[in-house]
Amino acid sequence: MFTGLIRAVGTVHAQGENLLRVSCGAIAHLGTLELGDSVAVDGICLTVTSLLPMGFTADVSPETLSRTTLGQDSQDVAVNLEPSLQVGSKLGGHFVTGHIDGVGYLESAVQTENAWEMSFRVPDARVARYIVSKGSIAINGVSLTIADCDPIGSWFKVAVIPLTYAETNLRYLQPGSRVNLEGDVLGKYVEKFLRLGDAHQLSVSGLEEMMVGADRAMGDRAAVTETFLAEHGYS
């Protein structure tokens, strides 16, 4: 689990068919990494498989390569890095799982007085369905708020403050650049509940009845005392 607040920008290098090496001059900003730790690399949750003096390596599955920019862009590119959320840490962005829904691309980036207004196209319906005005989205792992979008979510716009723009790889994007997109996980659960409809309600009702039955059983068990057992022939 992540927050979408980027700690450092590194560079990803190919080490083999399904192995990546990530170098980072500001590796200390990621905290004390250990084998098996999770790190979001451009929003993709990867597991540290070995530690390097100024970076780490991570295995990448074919599914990840097919669904993200890691399998589509050239190597030696800048990537946003964020260590996993620790208990007690500040949650300044939104809950980001690191499970990419699909890839979109930058349409335009316009600098205004207070922000960079960046517009993106979303050709994948699996991602567009979670694009809602004022909702949250992770773009290359960066937690952002959707300022505007079309009715079906195939286009949206965000306002990126200068600090976020300068401290992430969003500043390197050019029109047509691919980006990893992850919709708000809360929206995915809401969608599922609505899709299941009455069938889900029936299952919930059944679960409630089971829980009530369990409560009654617990209450009956609590009433089974030594006196009760003696009165019913047990000694």
Protein backbone atom coordinates (compact mmCIF):
# COMPACT_ATOMS: atom_id res chain seq x y z
CA MET A 1 0.00 0.00 0.00
CA PHE A 2 1.23 3.47 -0.93
CA THR A 3 0.04 7.07 -0.72
CA GLY A 4 1.06 8.53 -4.07
CA LEU A 5 3.58 10.91 -2.49
CA ILE A 6 6.84 10.40 -4.39
CA ARG A 7 10.04 10.26 -2.33
CA ALA A 8 12.66 10.14 -5.09
CA VAL A 9 13.20 9.85 -8.83
CA GLY A 10 15.42 7.04 -10.06
CA THR A 11 16.33 5.33 -13.32
CA VAL A 12 15.21 1.89 -14.45
CA HIS A 13 17.57 -0.38 -16.41
CA ALA A 14 16.97 -3.78 -17.98
CA GLN A 15 18.87 -6.62 -16.31
CA GLY A 16 17.27 -9.48 -18.17
CA GLU A 17 13.95 -10.53 -19.61
CA ASN A 18 12.03 -10.21 -16.34
CA LEU A 19 14.50 -8.42 -14.09
CA LEU A 20 14.92 -4.69 -13.60
CA ARG A 21 17.66 -2.72 -11.92
CA VAL A 22 16.62 0.59 -10.40
CA SER A 23 19.32 3.13 -9.57
CA CYS A 24 18.69 6.16 -7.40
CA GLY A 25 21.14 8.83 -6.29
CA ALA A 26 18.77 9.79 -3.48
CA ILE A 27 18.24 6.20 -2.31
CA ALA A 28 18.34 7.37 1.32
CA HIS A 29 15.02 9.12 0.72
CA LEU A 30 13.39 5.70 0.45
CA GLY A 31 14.36 4.80 4.02
CA THR A 32 16.07 1.57 5.00
CA LEU A 33 15.20 -0.89 2.26
CA GLU A 34 15.36 -4.61 2.97
CA LEU A 35 14.97 -7.72 0.86
CA GLY A 36 11.30 -8.39 0.21
CA ASP A 37 10.22 -4.78 0.71
CA SER A 38 7.66 -3.27 -1.64
CA VAL A 39 8.54 -0.18 -3.68
CA ALA A 40 6.29 1.63 -6.13
CA VAL A 41 8.20 2.18 -9.38
CA ASP A 42 6.21 4.63 -11.50
CA GLY A 43 3.20 3.47 -9.53
CA ILE A 44 3.91 -0.25 -10.00
CA CYS A 45 4.30 -2.28 -6.82
CA LEU A 46 7.53 -4.29 -7.13
CA THR A 47 9.39 -6.43 -4.62
CA VAL A 48 13.05 -5.80 -3.82
CA THR A 49 14.99 -8.94 -4.76
CA SER A 50 18.50 -7.62 -4.11
CA LEU A 51 20.06 -4.49 -2.67
CA LEU A 52 22.66 -2.39 -4.46
CA PRO A 53 24.86 0.45 -3.14
CA MET A 54 22.65 3.01 -4.89
CA GLY A 55 19.53 1.08 -5.81
CA PHE A 56 17.90 -2.33 -5.99
CA THR A 57 16.67 -5.01 -8.37
CA ALA A 58 13.14 -6.33 -8.80
CA ASP A 59 11.51 -9.15 -10.72
CA VAL A 60 8.74 -8.22 -13.17
CA SER A 61 6.02 -10.62 -14.30
CA PRO A 62 4.80 -10.85 -17.91
CA GLU A 63 1.43 -9.49 -16.74
CA THR A 64 3.10 -6.38 -15.34
CA LEU A 65 5.08 -5.86 -18.52
CA SER A 66 1.95 -6.16 -20.65
CA ARG A 67 -0.16 -3.80 -18.55
CA THR A 68 2.36 -1.03 -17.79
CA THR A 69 4.93 1.25 -19.38
CA LEU A 70 7.76 -1.00 -18.15
CA GLY A 71 7.13 -3.29 -21.09
CA GLN A 72 6.49 -0.54 -23.64
CA ASP A 73 8.99 2.25 -23.06
CA SER A 74 12.73 2.23 -23.67
CA GLN A 75 15.02 1.53 -20.76
CA ASP A 76 17.16 4.01 -18.81
CA VAL A 77 14.16 6.24 -18.19
CA ALA A 78 13.33 8.28 -15.08
CA VAL A 79 10.85 6.65 -12.72
CA ASN A 80 9.05 7.85 -9.61
CA LEU A 81 9.85 5.90 -6.45
CA GLU A 82 7.89 5.50 -3.23
CA PRO A 83 8.44 3.00 -0.40
CA SER A 84 5.42 1.23 1.07
CA LEU A 85 3.26 2.97 3.65
CA GLN A 86 4.39 2.35 7.21
CA VAL A 87 2.06 2.16 10.21
CA GLY A 88 1.87 5.61 11.76
CA SER A 89 3.07 7.40 8.62
CA LYS A 90 1.22 10.40 7.26
CA LEU A 91 -1.37 9.72 4.59
CA GLY A 92 -1.07 12.86 2.51
CA GLY A 93 -2.32 11.52 -0.82
CA HIS A 94 -4.80 8.65 -1.19
CA PHE A 95 -4.65 4.87 -0.89
CA VAL A 96 -2.63 3.57 -3.84
CA THR A 97 -2.26 -0.20 -4.25
CA GLY A 98 0.44 -0.24 -6.91
CA HIS A 99 -1.75 -2.40 -9.17
CA ILE A 100 -1.91 -0.57 -12.49
CA ASP A 101 -5.25 -0.59 -14.32
CA GLY A 102 -3.80 0.41 -17.67
CA VAL A 103 -1.79 2.92 -19.68
CA GLY A 104 -2.83 6.39 -20.88
CA TYR A 105 -0.87 9.17 -22.56
CA LEU A 106 -0.28 12.87 -22.14
CA GLU A 107 -2.26 15.06 -24.50
CA SER A 108 -1.00 18.48 -23.40
CA ALA A 109 0.74 20.31 -20.56
CA VAL A 110 0.16 24.04 -20.09
CA GLN A 111 1.93 26.12 -17.46
CA THR A 112 -0.32 28.57 -15.64
CA GLU A 113 0.45 31.05 -12.89
CA ASN A 114 -0.03 28.52 -10.08
CA ALA A 115 0.19 25.06 -11.66
CA TRP A 116 0.76 22.88 -14.67
CA GLU A 117 -2.55 21.85 -16.27
CA MET A 118 -1.99 18.43 -17.75
CA SER A 119 -4.53 16.64 -19.95
CA PHE A 120 -4.47 12.88 -20.56
CA ARG A 121 -6.18 10.47 -22.92
CA VAL A 122 -7.36 7.07 -21.66
CA PRO A 123 -7.93 4.61 -24.52
CA ASP A 124 -8.48 1.67 -22.15
CA ALA A 125 -12.07 1.33 -20.90
CA ARG A 126 -10.80 -0.62 -17.88
CA VAL A 127 -9.25 2.64 -16.68
CA ALA A 128 -11.77 5.16 -18.04
CA ARG A 129 -14.58 3.67 -15.96
CA TYR A 130 -12.90 4.96 -12.77
CA ILE A 131 -12.28 8.51 -13.99
CA VAL A 132 -14.66 10.86 -12.17
CA SER A 133 -14.52 14.61 -11.61
CA LYS A 134 -12.86 15.49 -8.27
CA GLY A 135 -11.90 11.87 -7.80
CA SER A 136 -8.40 10.58 -7.09
CA ILE A 137 -6.03 8.99 -9.59
CA ALA A 138 -2.40 7.87 -9.52
CA ILE A 139 -0.40 8.92 -12.60
CA ASN A 140 3.01 7.20 -12.63
CA GLY A 141 2.39 6.70 -8.93
CA VAL A 142 1.66 10.38 -8.23
CA SER A 143 -1.55 11.02 -6.28
CA LEU A 144 -3.59 13.66 -8.10
CA THR A 145 -7.13 15.00 -8.13
CA ILE A 146 -9.10 14.96 -11.37
CA ALA A 147 -10.08 18.55 -12.14
CA ASP A 148 -12.22 17.78 -15.18
CA CYS A 149 -13.12 14.83 -17.40
CA ASP A 150 -15.49 13.80 -20.16
CA PRO A 151 -18.60 11.71 -19.34
CA ILE A 152 -17.00 8.34 -20.13
CA GLY A 153 -13.57 9.06 -18.65
CA SER A 154 -11.62 8.78 -21.89
CA TRP A 155 -10.13 12.24 -21.27
CA PHE A 156 -9.28 14.03 -18.05
CA LYS A 157 -7.29 16.97 -16.73
CA VAL A 158 -5.30 17.50 -13.53
CA ALA A 159 -3.61 20.53 -12.02
CA VAL A 160 -0.07 19.75 -10.84
CA ILE A 161 1.49 22.18 -8.36
CA PRO A 162 5.05 23.37 -9.15
CA LEU A 163 6.62 21.33 -6.32
CA THR A 164 5.09 18.04 -7.52
CA TYR A 165 5.99 18.88 -11.12
CA ALA A 166 9.61 19.59 -10.22
CA GLU A 167 10.10 16.59 -7.90
CA THR A 168 8.60 13.85 -10.11
CA ASN A 169 9.08 12.57 -13.63
CA LEU A 170 5.91 14.37 -14.74
CA ARG A 171 8.23 17.19 -15.82
CA TYR A 172 9.77 14.94 -18.47
CA LEU A 173 6.47 14.06 -20.16
CA GLN A 174 5.86 15.19 -23.73
CA PRO A 175 2.62 14.96 -25.72
CA GLY A 176 2.18 11.29 -26.51
CA SER A 177 4.25 10.08 -23.52
CA ARG A 178 2.75 6.97 -21.92
CA VAL A 179 1.84 6.94 -18.23
CA ASN A 180 0.70 4.28 -15.77
CA LEU A 181 -2.79 4.88 -14.39
CA GLU A 182 -4.45 3.46 -11.28
CA GLY A 183 -8.00 4.40 -10.39
CA ASP A 184 -9.21 4.92 -6.84
CA VAL A 185 -9.62 1.52 -5.16
CA LEU A 186 -12.73 2.78 -3.34
CA GLY A 187 -14.46 3.31 -6.69
CA LYS A 188 -13.72 -0.28 -7.67
CA TYR A 189 -15.50 -1.64 -4.61
CA VAL A 190 -18.48 0.67 -5.15
CA GLU A 191 -18.69 -0.56 -8.75
CA LYS A 192 -18.71 -4.18 -7.62
CA PHE A 193 -21.43 -3.61 -5.05
CA LEU A 194 -23.63 -1.89 -7.62
CA ARG A 195 -22.98 -4.58 -10.23
CA LEU A 196 -23.91 -7.43 -7.91
CA GLY A 197 -27.14 -5.67 -6.90
CA ASP A 198 -29.86 -7.92 -5.46
CA ALA A 199 -27.71 -11.05 -5.49
CA HIS A 200 -25.19 -9.33 -3.27
CA GLN A 201 -27.95 -8.07 -0.98
CA LEU A 202 -29.24 -11.60 -0.57
CA SER A 203 -25.79 -12.85 0.33
CA VAL A 204 -25.38 -10.03 2.85
CA SER A 205 -28.77 -10.86 4.37
CA GLY A 206 -27.73 -14.49 4.68
CA LEU A 207 -24.51 -13.46 6.38
CA GLU A 208 -26.42 -11.28 8.82
CA GLU A 209 -28.74 -14.18 9.71
CA MET A 210 -25.73 -16.43 10.27
CA MET A 211 -24.14 -13.86 12.56
CA VAL A 212 -27.37 -13.47 14.56
CA GLY A 213 -27.53 -17.26 14.89
CA ALA A 214 -23.94 -17.34 16.10
CA ASP A 215 -24.70 -14.66 18.68
CA ARG A 216 -27.63 -16.67 19.96
CA ALA A 217 -25.50 -19.81 20.18
CA MET A 218 -22.89 -17.92 22.13
CA GLY A 219 -25.58 -16.66 24.46
CA ASP A 220 -26.94 -20.17 25.00
CA ARG A 221 -23.46 -21.51 25.68
CA ALA A 222 -22.90 -18.78 28.24
CA ALA A 223 -26.02 -20.07 30.05
CA VAL A 224 -24.59 -23.60 30.39
CA THR A 225 -23.36 -23.59 34.00
CA GLU A 226 -22.36 -26.38 36.42
CA THR A 227 -25.82 -26.11 38.06
CA PHE A 228 -27.51 -26.47 34.65
CA LEU A 229 -25.46 -29.59 33.88
CA ALA A 230 -26.23 -31.15 37.30
CA GLU A 231 -29.96 -30.56 36.84
CA HIS A 232 -29.83 -32.38 33.51
CA GLY A 233 -28.01 -35.49 34.73
CA TYR A 234 -24.37 -34.47 34.20
CA SER A 235 -21.87 -34.67 37.05
